[in-house]
Amino acid sequence: DGGRIFRAIVWGVTKDFSRATLVAGWSGKVVAYALMGVGGYEAFYKNDWYSGLWLGVIGLYLLNAAQQSIAQMTIRDALAGLHASDVMSHEVPTIEGHVTLEEYGAEVLRTGRRCHLVLSGDRLVGMMNVHTLNAVPREQWANNAVQSAMIPRDKIQWTSPDEPLLKLLERLLTADINQMPVVSGAADQAPQIVGMVTRDSILRVMQTHSELASQLSGK
C-alpha cells in the first residue's frame, strides 16, 4: 500500500528502517486526521453525510494502521538485543501437588506470586497459576488438589536463556500465557530450571525504554 511504499522511499534515503517506519507512521496519522477533518466538514457544513462518513471511516482505518506500525517498531527497538536471561526472575516459586486449591489461593494472596511450579516430592509434575485456578469453580477449591487442576509437565511451554526477547513475547502472546519457565542445560545434561519470564517483566523493559527515550530526546 501507499504507506509501505513511502516507508521504502524514506528507508532508501535514510538507510534507517526504524526511522523510516516512524516517519511513515506519523505521516499516516497526519493523513488520517486530515481525512477525518474533511469528512467532518463534508458532513456538517455541506450536509453530505455519505461522503463525510466514508472519509471518516477511511481516516480511522489509516489511523489504526499507522498507530500499529509505530507501536510495532517501538516494541522492536525496546527489545532489540535482549534475551530471556536479561529479564528472567531467578526465583522460581514451587508448590506441592497435594495442596488444595483453597490453600493455593491463600498462598497467592499472601505472597502475590501468580505462578508456581508443582512438585511431587522432588519431581516436577506441572505448573499452576492464577489463570488456571480461576478456571475451577470457587466452590470446588476446598475439595480439589493443585495436581488435579495444574498444567501437566508435558504441556508446559519452555524457553531458553538465549531466546531473543521479541520472539519470546510473540510466543507468549500467541499461546495466550503470562509466564514461561527458563530451562538451561547442554544436550547431554539434564535440563535445569533457572528462572521465570513473565509478560510483566517484558512490559517493564518496554516502559523503561520508553521513559528513557523520551528523556534523552528532550535533551
N, C-alpha and C. Protein backbone atom coordinates (compact mmCIF):
# COMPACT_ATOMS: atom_id res chain seq x y z
N ASP A 1 0.83 -1.19 0.00
CA ASP A 1 0.00 0.00 0.00
C ASP A 1 0.87 1.25 0.00
N GLY A 2 0.20 2.42 0.02
CA GLY A 2 0.94 3.67 -0.07
C GLY A 2 1.89 3.89 1.09
N GLY A 3 1.47 3.48 2.30
CA GLY A 3 2.32 3.66 3.47
C GLY A 3 3.61 2.87 3.37
N ARG A 4 3.53 1.65 2.87
CA ARG A 4 4.73 0.83 2.75
C ARG A 4 5.66 1.37 1.66
N ILE A 5 5.06 1.87 0.58
CA ILE A 5 5.88 2.46 -0.49
C ILE A 5 6.62 3.68 0.04
N PHE A 6 5.89 4.53 0.78
CA PHE A 6 6.52 5.73 1.34
C PHE A 6 7.62 5.35 2.32
N ARG A 7 7.37 4.32 3.15
CA ARG A 7 8.39 3.86 4.10
C ARG A 7 9.63 3.37 3.36
N ALA A 8 9.42 2.64 2.25
CA ALA A 8 10.55 2.14 1.47
C ALA A 8 11.37 3.29 0.90
N ILE A 9 10.69 4.36 0.48
CA ILE A 9 11.41 5.52 -0.07
C ILE A 9 12.25 6.18 1.02
N VAL A 10 11.63 6.38 2.20
CA VAL A 10 12.36 7.01 3.31
C VAL A 10 13.51 6.12 3.75
N TRP A 11 13.28 4.82 3.77
CA TRP A 11 14.33 3.86 4.14
C TRP A 11 15.51 3.96 3.17
N GLY A 12 15.18 4.08 1.88
CA GLY A 12 16.24 4.19 0.89
C GLY A 12 17.06 5.45 1.06
N VAL A 13 16.41 6.53 1.50
CA VAL A 13 17.11 7.81 1.67
C VAL A 13 17.92 7.83 2.97
N THR A 14 17.30 7.36 4.07
CA THR A 14 17.94 7.47 5.38
C THR A 14 18.80 6.26 5.74
N LYS A 15 18.56 5.12 5.07
CA LYS A 15 19.25 3.86 5.40
C LYS A 15 18.97 3.42 6.84
N ASP A 16 17.85 3.87 7.38
CA ASP A 16 17.47 3.56 8.76
C ASP A 16 16.03 3.07 8.76
N PHE A 17 15.84 1.75 8.94
CA PHE A 17 14.49 1.18 8.85
C PHE A 17 13.59 1.69 9.97
N SER A 18 14.13 1.80 11.19
CA SER A 18 13.32 2.27 12.31
C SER A 18 12.83 3.70 12.07
N ARG A 19 13.74 4.54 11.63
CA ARG A 19 13.36 5.93 11.36
C ARG A 19 12.35 6.01 10.23
N ALA A 20 12.55 5.19 9.20
CA ALA A 20 11.61 5.19 8.07
C ALA A 20 10.22 4.76 8.52
N THR A 21 10.15 3.76 9.40
CA THR A 21 8.86 3.29 9.89
C THR A 21 8.16 4.37 10.71
N LEU A 22 8.92 5.06 11.56
CA LEU A 22 8.33 6.12 12.38
C LEU A 22 7.85 7.29 11.52
N VAL A 23 8.66 7.68 10.53
CA VAL A 23 8.27 8.78 9.64
C VAL A 23 7.00 8.41 8.88
N ALA A 24 6.97 7.19 8.34
CA ALA A 24 5.79 6.74 7.60
C ALA A 24 4.57 6.65 8.51
N GLY A 25 4.79 6.19 9.75
CA GLY A 25 3.68 6.07 10.69
C GLY A 25 3.09 7.42 11.06
N TRP A 26 3.96 8.38 11.39
CA TRP A 26 3.46 9.71 11.75
C TRP A 26 2.84 10.41 10.55
N SER A 27 3.39 10.19 9.37
CA SER A 27 2.79 10.77 8.16
C SER A 27 1.40 10.19 7.93
N GLY A 28 1.27 8.88 8.17
CA GLY A 28 -0.03 8.24 8.03
C GLY A 28 -1.04 8.80 9.01
N LYS A 29 -0.60 9.12 10.22
CA LYS A 29 -1.52 9.71 11.21
C LYS A 29 -1.98 11.09 10.77
N VAL A 30 -1.06 11.87 10.19
CA VAL A 30 -1.44 13.20 9.71
C VAL A 30 -2.49 13.10 8.61
N VAL A 31 -2.26 12.17 7.66
CA VAL A 31 -3.22 11.97 6.57
C VAL A 31 -4.56 11.50 7.13
N ALA A 32 -4.51 10.60 8.11
CA ALA A 32 -5.75 10.07 8.70
C ALA A 32 -6.56 11.18 9.36
N TYR A 33 -5.89 12.02 10.16
CA TYR A 33 -6.61 13.12 10.81
C TYR A 33 -7.16 14.11 9.78
N ALA A 34 -6.39 14.32 8.71
CA ALA A 34 -6.86 15.23 7.66
C ALA A 34 -8.13 14.68 7.00
N LEU A 35 -8.13 13.39 6.72
CA LEU A 35 -9.31 12.78 6.10
C LEU A 35 -10.53 12.86 7.02
N MET A 36 -10.31 12.62 8.31
CA MET A 36 -11.43 12.71 9.25
C MET A 36 -11.93 14.15 9.37
N GLY A 37 -11.00 15.11 9.29
CA GLY A 37 -11.40 16.51 9.34
C GLY A 37 -12.22 16.90 8.11
N VAL A 38 -11.76 16.46 6.94
CA VAL A 38 -12.51 16.74 5.70
C VAL A 38 -13.87 16.05 5.74
N GLY A 39 -13.87 14.82 6.29
CA GLY A 39 -15.14 14.10 6.41
C GLY A 39 -16.13 14.84 7.29
N GLY A 40 -15.63 15.38 8.40
CA GLY A 40 -16.50 16.16 9.27
C GLY A 40 -17.02 17.41 8.58
N TYR A 41 -16.15 18.05 7.81
CA TYR A 41 -16.56 19.26 7.07
C TYR A 41 -17.65 18.92 6.05
N GLU A 42 -17.44 17.81 5.31
CA GLU A 42 -18.42 17.40 4.30
C GLU A 42 -19.77 17.09 4.96
N ALA A 43 -19.72 16.44 6.12
CA ALA A 43 -20.96 16.02 6.76
C ALA A 43 -21.71 17.19 7.40
N PHE A 44 -20.99 18.05 8.13
CA PHE A 44 -21.67 19.07 8.93
C PHE A 44 -21.87 20.40 8.20
N TYR A 45 -20.98 20.72 7.26
CA TYR A 45 -21.09 22.01 6.59
C TYR A 45 -21.69 21.91 5.19
N LYS A 46 -21.46 20.77 4.53
CA LYS A 46 -22.04 20.58 3.20
C LYS A 46 -23.23 19.64 3.23
N ASN A 47 -23.51 19.10 4.40
CA ASN A 47 -24.64 18.19 4.59
C ASN A 47 -24.55 16.95 3.69
N ASP A 48 -23.31 16.57 3.36
CA ASP A 48 -23.08 15.37 2.55
C ASP A 48 -22.63 14.26 3.50
N TRP A 49 -23.59 13.64 4.16
CA TRP A 49 -23.26 12.66 5.19
C TRP A 49 -22.63 11.40 4.61
N TYR A 50 -23.02 11.04 3.41
CA TYR A 50 -22.48 9.82 2.81
C TYR A 50 -20.97 9.95 2.58
N SER A 51 -20.57 11.04 1.90
CA SER A 51 -19.13 11.26 1.64
C SER A 51 -18.37 11.48 2.94
N GLY A 52 -18.98 12.24 3.85
CA GLY A 52 -18.32 12.51 5.12
C GLY A 52 -18.08 11.25 5.93
N LEU A 53 -19.08 10.36 5.93
CA LEU A 53 -18.94 9.11 6.68
C LEU A 53 -17.84 8.24 6.10
N TRP A 54 -17.81 8.14 4.77
CA TRP A 54 -16.79 7.30 4.14
C TRP A 54 -15.38 7.85 4.39
N LEU A 55 -15.22 9.15 4.29
CA LEU A 55 -13.91 9.75 4.57
C LEU A 55 -13.50 9.51 6.02
N GLY A 56 -14.48 9.60 6.92
CA GLY A 56 -14.18 9.35 8.33
C GLY A 56 -13.76 7.92 8.59
N VAL A 57 -14.45 6.96 7.95
CA VAL A 57 -14.11 5.55 8.11
C VAL A 57 -12.71 5.26 7.56
N ILE A 58 -12.42 5.81 6.38
CA ILE A 58 -11.08 5.62 5.79
C ILE A 58 -10.01 6.23 6.70
N GLY A 59 -10.31 7.40 7.25
CA GLY A 59 -9.36 8.05 8.16
C GLY A 59 -9.10 7.21 9.40
N LEU A 60 -10.16 6.64 9.98
CA LEU A 60 -9.99 5.79 11.16
C LEU A 60 -9.16 4.55 10.84
N TYR A 61 -9.39 3.97 9.65
CA TYR A 61 -8.62 2.80 9.24
C TYR A 61 -7.14 3.14 9.11
N LEU A 62 -6.84 4.27 8.45
CA LEU A 62 -5.45 4.68 8.29
C LEU A 62 -4.80 5.01 9.64
N LEU A 63 -5.58 5.63 10.53
CA LEU A 63 -5.05 5.97 11.85
C LEU A 63 -4.68 4.72 12.62
N ASN A 64 -5.54 3.71 12.58
CA ASN A 64 -5.27 2.46 13.28
C ASN A 64 -4.03 1.78 12.72
N ALA A 65 -3.91 1.76 11.38
CA ALA A 65 -2.75 1.13 10.75
C ALA A 65 -1.46 1.86 11.11
N ALA A 66 -1.51 3.19 11.13
CA ALA A 66 -0.32 3.98 11.45
C ALA A 66 0.09 3.76 12.90
N GLN A 67 -0.88 3.72 13.81
CA GLN A 67 -0.57 3.51 15.23
C GLN A 67 0.02 2.13 15.46
N GLN A 68 -0.50 1.12 14.77
CA GLN A 68 0.05 -0.23 14.90
C GLN A 68 1.48 -0.29 14.39
N SER A 69 1.75 0.39 13.29
CA SER A 69 3.09 0.39 12.72
C SER A 69 4.09 1.03 13.69
N ILE A 70 3.70 2.15 14.29
CA ILE A 70 4.57 2.83 15.25
C ILE A 70 4.78 1.97 16.49
N ALA A 71 3.69 1.35 16.97
CA ALA A 71 3.79 0.52 18.17
C ALA A 71 4.71 -0.68 17.94
N GLN A 72 4.58 -1.33 16.78
CA GLN A 72 5.42 -2.48 16.48
C GLN A 72 6.89 -2.10 16.43
N MET A 73 7.20 -0.96 15.83
CA MET A 73 8.59 -0.54 15.75
C MET A 73 9.12 -0.15 17.13
N THR A 74 8.27 0.47 17.95
CA THR A 74 8.68 0.83 19.31
C THR A 74 9.03 -0.42 20.11
N ILE A 75 8.22 -1.47 19.96
CA ILE A 75 8.48 -2.73 20.66
C ILE A 75 9.78 -3.35 20.16
N ARG A 76 9.98 -3.36 18.86
CA ARG A 76 11.20 -3.95 18.29
C ARG A 76 12.44 -3.21 18.79
N ASP A 77 12.37 -1.89 18.82
CA ASP A 77 13.52 -1.11 19.29
C ASP A 77 13.80 -1.37 20.76
N ALA A 78 12.73 -1.47 21.56
CA ALA A 78 12.90 -1.66 23.01
C ALA A 78 13.50 -3.02 23.34
N LEU A 79 13.16 -4.04 22.56
CA LEU A 79 13.59 -5.41 22.88
C LEU A 79 14.79 -5.87 22.05
N ALA A 80 15.27 -5.03 21.17
CA ALA A 80 16.39 -5.41 20.30
C ALA A 80 17.61 -5.78 21.13
N GLY A 81 18.20 -6.92 20.84
CA GLY A 81 19.43 -7.36 21.50
C GLY A 81 19.23 -7.97 22.87
N LEU A 82 17.98 -8.04 23.35
CA LEU A 82 17.71 -8.61 24.67
C LEU A 82 17.28 -10.07 24.55
N HIS A 83 17.56 -10.84 25.60
CA HIS A 83 17.22 -12.26 25.62
C HIS A 83 16.48 -12.58 26.92
N ALA A 84 15.96 -13.79 26.99
CA ALA A 84 15.19 -14.20 28.16
C ALA A 84 15.99 -14.03 29.45
N SER A 85 17.28 -14.31 29.39
CA SER A 85 18.13 -14.22 30.59
C SER A 85 18.22 -12.80 31.13
N ASP A 86 17.96 -11.79 30.28
CA ASP A 86 18.08 -10.40 30.71
C ASP A 86 16.93 -9.96 31.60
N VAL A 87 15.78 -10.61 31.49
CA VAL A 87 14.60 -10.15 32.24
C VAL A 87 14.04 -11.22 33.17
N MET A 88 14.59 -12.42 33.13
CA MET A 88 14.00 -13.50 33.92
C MET A 88 14.24 -13.28 35.42
N SER A 89 13.31 -13.78 36.20
CA SER A 89 13.47 -13.82 37.65
C SER A 89 14.13 -15.14 38.02
N HIS A 90 15.17 -15.07 38.84
CA HIS A 90 15.87 -16.29 39.23
C HIS A 90 15.11 -17.04 40.34
N GLU A 91 14.15 -16.37 40.92
CA GLU A 91 13.33 -17.01 41.95
C GLU A 91 12.17 -17.74 41.28
N VAL A 92 12.10 -19.05 41.48
CA VAL A 92 11.05 -19.87 40.87
C VAL A 92 10.22 -20.50 41.99
N PRO A 93 9.06 -19.92 42.33
CA PRO A 93 8.24 -20.45 43.42
C PRO A 93 7.72 -21.85 43.09
N THR A 94 7.62 -22.69 44.10
CA THR A 94 7.11 -24.04 43.93
C THR A 94 5.98 -24.30 44.92
N ILE A 95 5.18 -25.30 44.61
CA ILE A 95 4.07 -25.70 45.49
C ILE A 95 3.92 -27.21 45.37
N GLU A 96 3.56 -27.86 46.45
CA GLU A 96 3.34 -29.30 46.42
C GLU A 96 1.99 -29.61 45.77
N GLY A 97 1.95 -30.68 44.99
CA GLY A 97 0.75 -31.03 44.24
C GLY A 97 -0.43 -31.41 45.11
N HIS A 98 -0.18 -31.86 46.35
CA HIS A 98 -1.28 -32.30 47.21
C HIS A 98 -2.00 -31.15 47.90
N VAL A 99 -1.46 -29.94 47.81
CA VAL A 99 -2.09 -28.77 48.43
C VAL A 99 -3.43 -28.51 47.77
N THR A 100 -4.44 -28.16 48.56
CA THR A 100 -5.76 -27.88 47.98
C THR A 100 -5.74 -26.55 47.23
N LEU A 101 -6.69 -26.39 46.32
CA LEU A 101 -6.80 -25.14 45.59
C LEU A 101 -7.13 -23.99 46.53
N GLU A 102 -7.86 -24.28 47.59
CA GLU A 102 -8.17 -23.26 48.60
C GLU A 102 -6.88 -22.75 49.23
N GLU A 103 -6.01 -23.68 49.60
CA GLU A 103 -4.73 -23.31 50.20
C GLU A 103 -3.83 -22.60 49.19
N TYR A 104 -3.90 -23.03 47.94
CA TYR A 104 -3.09 -22.38 46.92
C TYR A 104 -3.54 -20.93 46.72
N GLY A 105 -4.85 -20.70 46.68
CA GLY A 105 -5.36 -19.34 46.55
C GLY A 105 -4.90 -18.46 47.69
N ALA A 106 -4.89 -19.01 48.91
CA ALA A 106 -4.43 -18.26 50.07
C ALA A 106 -2.94 -17.92 49.95
N GLU A 107 -2.16 -18.86 49.40
CA GLU A 107 -0.72 -18.63 49.21
C GLU A 107 -0.48 -17.52 48.18
N VAL A 108 -1.26 -17.52 47.12
CA VAL A 108 -1.14 -16.47 46.11
C VAL A 108 -1.46 -15.10 46.71
N LEU A 109 -2.52 -15.04 47.50
CA LEU A 109 -2.89 -13.77 48.14
C LEU A 109 -1.83 -13.31 49.13
N ARG A 110 -1.23 -14.26 49.83
CA ARG A 110 -0.24 -13.91 50.85
C ARG A 110 1.06 -13.39 50.24
N THR A 111 1.50 -14.01 49.15
CA THR A 111 2.81 -13.68 48.59
C THR A 111 2.74 -12.80 47.34
N GLY A 112 1.59 -12.79 46.66
CA GLY A 112 1.48 -12.04 45.41
C GLY A 112 2.09 -12.75 44.23
N ARG A 113 2.61 -13.96 44.43
CA ARG A 113 3.20 -14.73 43.33
C ARG A 113 2.09 -15.45 42.57
N ARG A 114 2.05 -15.22 41.28
CA ARG A 114 0.92 -15.68 40.47
C ARG A 114 1.18 -16.99 39.74
N CYS A 115 2.39 -17.52 39.84
CA CYS A 115 2.72 -18.74 39.11
C CYS A 115 3.68 -19.59 39.94
N HIS A 116 3.42 -20.90 39.99
CA HIS A 116 4.26 -21.82 40.75
C HIS A 116 4.50 -23.10 39.94
N LEU A 117 5.68 -23.65 40.07
CA LEU A 117 5.93 -24.99 39.55
C LEU A 117 5.43 -25.98 40.59
N VAL A 118 4.81 -27.04 40.12
CA VAL A 118 4.18 -28.02 41.02
C VAL A 118 5.11 -29.22 41.18
N LEU A 119 5.36 -29.59 42.44
CA LEU A 119 6.25 -30.70 42.75
C LEU A 119 5.48 -31.84 43.41
N SER A 120 5.97 -33.04 43.16
CA SER A 120 5.52 -34.21 43.89
C SER A 120 6.77 -34.82 44.49
N GLY A 121 7.05 -34.47 45.74
CA GLY A 121 8.34 -34.81 46.32
C GLY A 121 9.39 -33.92 45.68
N ASP A 122 10.39 -34.54 45.06
CA ASP A 122 11.43 -33.78 44.35
C ASP A 122 11.19 -33.75 42.84
N ARG A 123 10.08 -34.28 42.40
CA ARG A 123 9.82 -34.42 40.97
C ARG A 123 8.89 -33.32 40.47
N LEU A 124 9.28 -32.68 39.38
CA LEU A 124 8.43 -31.66 38.75
C LEU A 124 7.30 -32.35 38.00
N VAL A 125 6.06 -31.97 38.31
CA VAL A 125 4.92 -32.63 37.67
C VAL A 125 4.04 -31.66 36.88
N GLY A 126 4.23 -30.34 37.08
CA GLY A 126 3.38 -29.41 36.34
C GLY A 126 3.60 -27.97 36.75
N MET A 127 2.67 -27.12 36.34
CA MET A 127 2.74 -25.70 36.66
C MET A 127 1.34 -25.21 37.00
N MET A 128 1.25 -24.32 37.98
CA MET A 128 -0.04 -23.78 38.42
C MET A 128 0.05 -22.26 38.44
N ASN A 129 -1.03 -21.61 38.00
CA ASN A 129 -1.06 -20.15 38.04
C ASN A 129 -2.48 -19.66 38.32
N VAL A 130 -2.61 -18.36 38.45
CA VAL A 130 -3.91 -17.77 38.81
C VAL A 130 -4.95 -18.03 37.73
N HIS A 131 -4.54 -17.96 36.47
CA HIS A 131 -5.48 -18.20 35.38
C HIS A 131 -6.07 -19.61 35.47
N THR A 132 -5.22 -20.59 35.74
CA THR A 132 -5.67 -21.98 35.86
C THR A 132 -6.56 -22.15 37.08
N LEU A 133 -6.21 -21.47 38.17
CA LEU A 133 -7.02 -21.54 39.39
C LEU A 133 -8.42 -20.99 39.14
N ASN A 134 -8.50 -19.86 38.46
CA ASN A 134 -9.80 -19.23 38.21
C ASN A 134 -10.68 -20.03 37.27
N ALA A 135 -10.09 -20.98 36.55
CA ALA A 135 -10.88 -21.83 35.65
C ALA A 135 -11.69 -22.87 36.42
N VAL A 136 -11.36 -23.06 37.70
CA VAL A 136 -12.08 -24.02 38.54
C VAL A 136 -13.14 -23.27 39.34
N PRO A 137 -14.39 -23.72 39.35
CA PRO A 137 -15.43 -23.05 40.14
C PRO A 137 -15.01 -22.89 41.60
N ARG A 138 -15.31 -21.74 42.16
CA ARG A 138 -14.86 -21.41 43.52
C ARG A 138 -15.29 -22.44 44.56
N GLU A 139 -16.48 -22.99 44.40
CA GLU A 139 -16.99 -23.93 45.40
C GLU A 139 -16.25 -25.27 45.38
N GLN A 140 -15.41 -25.50 44.36
CA GLN A 140 -14.67 -26.76 44.27
C GLN A 140 -13.24 -26.65 44.79
N TRP A 141 -12.83 -25.48 45.19
CA TRP A 141 -11.44 -25.29 45.61
C TRP A 141 -11.08 -26.13 46.84
N ALA A 142 -11.98 -26.21 47.79
CA ALA A 142 -11.65 -26.89 49.05
C ALA A 142 -11.50 -28.40 48.87
N ASN A 143 -12.13 -28.96 47.84
CA ASN A 143 -12.13 -30.42 47.67
C ASN A 143 -11.24 -30.91 46.54
N ASN A 144 -10.46 -30.03 45.94
CA ASN A 144 -9.59 -30.43 44.84
C ASN A 144 -8.16 -29.97 45.10
N ALA A 145 -7.21 -30.83 44.73
CA ALA A 145 -5.80 -30.52 44.92
C ALA A 145 -5.24 -29.78 43.71
N VAL A 146 -4.14 -29.11 43.92
CA VAL A 146 -3.46 -28.40 42.83
C VAL A 146 -3.16 -29.35 41.67
N GLN A 147 -2.76 -30.57 41.99
CA GLN A 147 -2.37 -31.52 40.96
C GLN A 147 -3.53 -31.87 40.02
N SER A 148 -4.76 -31.70 40.49
CA SER A 148 -5.92 -32.03 39.64
C SER A 148 -6.24 -30.92 38.65
N ALA A 149 -5.73 -29.71 38.89
CA ALA A 149 -6.08 -28.58 38.03
C ALA A 149 -4.88 -27.99 37.29
N MET A 150 -3.68 -28.41 37.65
CA MET A 150 -2.45 -27.81 37.10
C MET A 150 -2.28 -28.09 35.61
N ILE A 151 -1.35 -27.37 35.01
CA ILE A 151 -0.91 -27.66 33.64
C ILE A 151 0.10 -28.79 33.73
N PRO A 152 -0.15 -29.95 33.11
CA PRO A 152 0.80 -31.08 33.21
C PRO A 152 2.17 -30.71 32.66
N ARG A 153 3.17 -31.39 33.15
CA ARG A 153 4.55 -31.09 32.76
C ARG A 153 4.75 -31.15 31.25
N ASP A 154 4.13 -32.14 30.59
CA ASP A 154 4.36 -32.30 29.15
C ASP A 154 3.66 -31.23 28.31
N LYS A 155 2.84 -30.38 28.95
CA LYS A 155 2.17 -29.30 28.22
C LYS A 155 2.71 -27.92 28.57
N ILE A 156 3.72 -27.89 29.45
CA ILE A 156 4.35 -26.61 29.79
C ILE A 156 5.20 -26.14 28.62
N GLN A 157 5.09 -24.86 28.29
CA GLN A 157 5.96 -24.29 27.26
C GLN A 157 7.18 -23.68 27.94
N TRP A 158 8.36 -23.98 27.39
CA TRP A 158 9.62 -23.56 27.99
C TRP A 158 10.35 -22.58 27.08
N THR A 159 11.28 -21.87 27.67
CA THR A 159 12.18 -21.04 26.89
C THR A 159 13.61 -21.29 27.37
N SER A 160 14.57 -20.80 26.62
CA SER A 160 15.98 -20.93 27.00
C SER A 160 16.54 -19.55 27.31
N PRO A 161 17.62 -19.47 28.07
CA PRO A 161 18.17 -18.16 28.45
C PRO A 161 18.54 -17.29 27.26
N ASP A 162 18.91 -17.91 26.13
CA ASP A 162 19.39 -17.13 25.00
C ASP A 162 18.31 -16.88 23.94
N GLU A 163 17.04 -17.19 24.23
CA GLU A 163 15.99 -16.90 23.24
C GLU A 163 15.77 -15.39 23.15
N PRO A 164 15.75 -14.83 21.95
CA PRO A 164 15.51 -13.39 21.80
C PRO A 164 14.18 -12.99 22.44
N LEU A 165 14.19 -11.86 23.12
CA LEU A 165 13.03 -11.45 23.90
C LEU A 165 11.82 -11.14 23.01
N LEU A 166 12.06 -10.59 21.83
CA LEU A 166 10.95 -10.29 20.92
C LEU A 166 10.25 -11.57 20.49
N LYS A 167 11.03 -12.59 20.15
CA LYS A 167 10.45 -13.88 19.76
C LYS A 167 9.70 -14.50 20.93
N LEU A 168 10.25 -14.38 22.13
CA LEU A 168 9.60 -14.94 23.32
C LEU A 168 8.27 -14.24 23.58
N LEU A 169 8.24 -12.91 23.44
CA LEU A 169 6.99 -12.18 23.63
C LEU A 169 5.94 -12.62 22.63
N GLU A 170 6.34 -12.84 21.39
CA GLU A 170 5.41 -13.31 20.37
C GLU A 170 4.84 -14.68 20.74
N ARG A 171 5.68 -15.54 21.30
CA ARG A 171 5.21 -16.87 21.72
C ARG A 171 4.23 -16.77 22.89
N LEU A 172 4.53 -15.89 23.83
CA LEU A 172 3.62 -15.70 24.97
C LEU A 172 2.25 -15.21 24.50
N LEU A 173 2.26 -14.26 23.58
CA LEU A 173 1.00 -13.70 23.09
C LEU A 173 0.24 -14.71 22.25
N THR A 174 0.95 -15.47 21.42
CA THR A 174 0.29 -16.47 20.57
C THR A 174 -0.36 -17.56 21.40
N ALA A 175 0.34 -17.99 22.45
CA ALA A 175 -0.18 -19.06 23.32
C ALA A 175 -1.14 -18.52 24.38
N ASP A 176 -1.24 -17.18 24.48
CA ASP A 176 -2.09 -16.53 25.48
C ASP A 176 -1.74 -16.99 26.89
N ILE A 177 -0.44 -16.95 27.20
CA ILE A 177 0.03 -17.28 28.54
C ILE A 177 0.83 -16.10 29.08
N ASN A 178 0.94 -16.03 30.40
CA ASN A 178 1.57 -14.87 31.03
C ASN A 178 2.99 -15.12 31.50
N GLN A 179 3.41 -16.38 31.56
CA GLN A 179 4.74 -16.67 32.05
C GLN A 179 5.28 -17.94 31.41
N MET A 180 6.60 -18.06 31.42
CA MET A 180 7.24 -19.23 30.83
C MET A 180 8.52 -19.55 31.61
N PRO A 181 8.68 -20.78 32.09
CA PRO A 181 9.92 -21.16 32.78
C PRO A 181 11.11 -21.14 31.83
N VAL A 182 12.27 -20.81 32.38
CA VAL A 182 13.51 -20.77 31.61
C VAL A 182 14.34 -21.99 31.97
N VAL A 183 14.70 -22.77 30.95
CA VAL A 183 15.42 -24.03 31.16
C VAL A 183 16.80 -23.93 30.53
N SER A 184 17.80 -24.36 31.27
CA SER A 184 19.17 -24.34 30.78
C SER A 184 19.76 -25.73 30.90
N GLY A 185 20.76 -26.01 30.06
CA GLY A 185 21.43 -27.31 30.13
C GLY A 185 21.88 -27.76 28.76
N ALA A 186 23.04 -28.36 28.70
CA ALA A 186 23.56 -28.88 27.44
C ALA A 186 22.76 -30.10 27.01
N ALA A 187 22.93 -30.47 25.76
CA ALA A 187 22.16 -31.58 25.20
C ALA A 187 22.42 -32.89 25.95
N ASP A 188 23.64 -33.05 26.50
CA ASP A 188 23.98 -34.29 27.18
C ASP A 188 23.78 -34.20 28.69
N GLN A 189 23.10 -33.13 29.15
CA GLN A 189 22.86 -32.95 30.57
C GLN A 189 21.37 -32.83 30.84
N ALA A 190 21.00 -33.12 32.09
CA ALA A 190 19.60 -32.97 32.47
C ALA A 190 19.25 -31.48 32.50
N PRO A 191 18.12 -31.08 31.92
CA PRO A 191 17.75 -29.67 31.92
C PRO A 191 17.49 -29.16 33.33
N GLN A 192 17.83 -27.90 33.57
CA GLN A 192 17.62 -27.29 34.87
C GLN A 192 16.80 -26.02 34.70
N ILE A 193 15.81 -25.85 35.57
CA ILE A 193 15.01 -24.63 35.55
C ILE A 193 15.79 -23.54 36.27
N VAL A 194 16.11 -22.47 35.55
CA VAL A 194 16.98 -21.43 36.10
C VAL A 194 16.24 -20.12 36.35
N GLY A 195 14.99 -20.03 35.92
CA GLY A 195 14.27 -18.78 36.13
C GLY A 195 12.88 -18.81 35.53
N MET A 196 12.24 -17.63 35.55
CA MET A 196 10.89 -17.50 35.02
C MET A 196 10.77 -16.13 34.34
N VAL A 197 10.21 -16.13 33.14
CA VAL A 197 9.96 -14.88 32.42
C VAL A 197 8.46 -14.65 32.38
N THR A 198 8.03 -13.42 32.67
CA THR A 198 6.62 -13.08 32.64
C THR A 198 6.39 -11.93 31.66
N ARG A 199 5.14 -11.79 31.24
CA ARG A 199 4.79 -10.65 30.40
C ARG A 199 5.11 -9.34 31.11
N ASP A 200 4.83 -9.30 32.41
CA ASP A 200 5.07 -8.08 33.18
C ASP A 200 6.53 -7.66 33.13
N SER A 201 7.44 -8.63 33.22
CA SER A 201 8.86 -8.29 33.20
C SER A 201 9.27 -7.71 31.85
N ILE A 202 8.67 -8.22 30.77
CA ILE A 202 8.96 -7.68 29.44
C ILE A 202 8.35 -6.29 29.28
N LEU A 203 7.14 -6.11 29.79
CA LEU A 203 6.48 -4.80 29.70
C LEU A 203 7.25 -3.74 30.48
N ARG A 204 7.85 -4.14 31.61
CA ARG A 204 8.65 -3.18 32.38
C ARG A 204 9.85 -2.70 31.58
N VAL A 205 10.47 -3.61 30.83
CA VAL A 205 11.59 -3.22 29.98
C VAL A 205 11.13 -2.21 28.93
N MET A 206 9.98 -2.49 28.31
CA MET A 206 9.45 -1.59 27.29
C MET A 206 9.09 -0.23 27.87
N GLN A 207 8.50 -0.23 29.07
CA GLN A 207 8.13 1.03 29.71
C GLN A 207 9.37 1.85 30.06
N THR A 208 10.39 1.18 30.60
CA THR A 208 11.63 1.87 30.95
C THR A 208 12.30 2.45 29.70
N HIS A 209 12.31 1.66 28.63
CA HIS A 209 12.89 2.13 27.36
C HIS A 209 12.16 3.37 26.87
N SER A 210 10.83 3.35 26.97
CA SER A 210 10.03 4.49 26.52
C SER A 210 10.31 5.73 27.36
N GLU A 211 10.42 5.55 28.68
CA GLU A 211 10.68 6.69 29.57
C GLU A 211 12.06 7.29 29.31
N LEU A 212 13.06 6.43 29.17
CA LEU A 212 14.42 6.92 28.93
C LEU A 212 14.54 7.56 27.55
N ALA A 213 13.85 6.98 26.56
CA ALA A 213 13.90 7.53 25.21
C ALA A 213 13.32 8.94 25.18
N SER A 214 12.21 9.14 25.91
CA SER A 214 11.60 10.47 25.94
C SER A 214 12.50 11.47 26.66
N GLN A 215 13.20 11.02 27.71
CA GLN A 215 14.12 11.90 28.43
C GLN A 215 15.30 12.29 27.55
N LEU A 216 15.86 11.29 26.85
CA LEU A 216 17.02 11.55 26.01
C LEU A 216 16.67 12.43 24.82
N SER A 217 15.46 12.22 24.26
CA SER A 217 15.06 13.02 23.11
C SER A 217 14.78 14.46 23.50
N GLY A 218 14.51 14.67 24.81
CA GLY A 218 14.22 16.02 25.27
C GLY A 218 15.45 16.85 25.52
N LYS A 219 16.63 16.19 25.50
CA LYS A 219 17.88 16.92 25.74
C LYS A 219 18.43 17.51 24.45
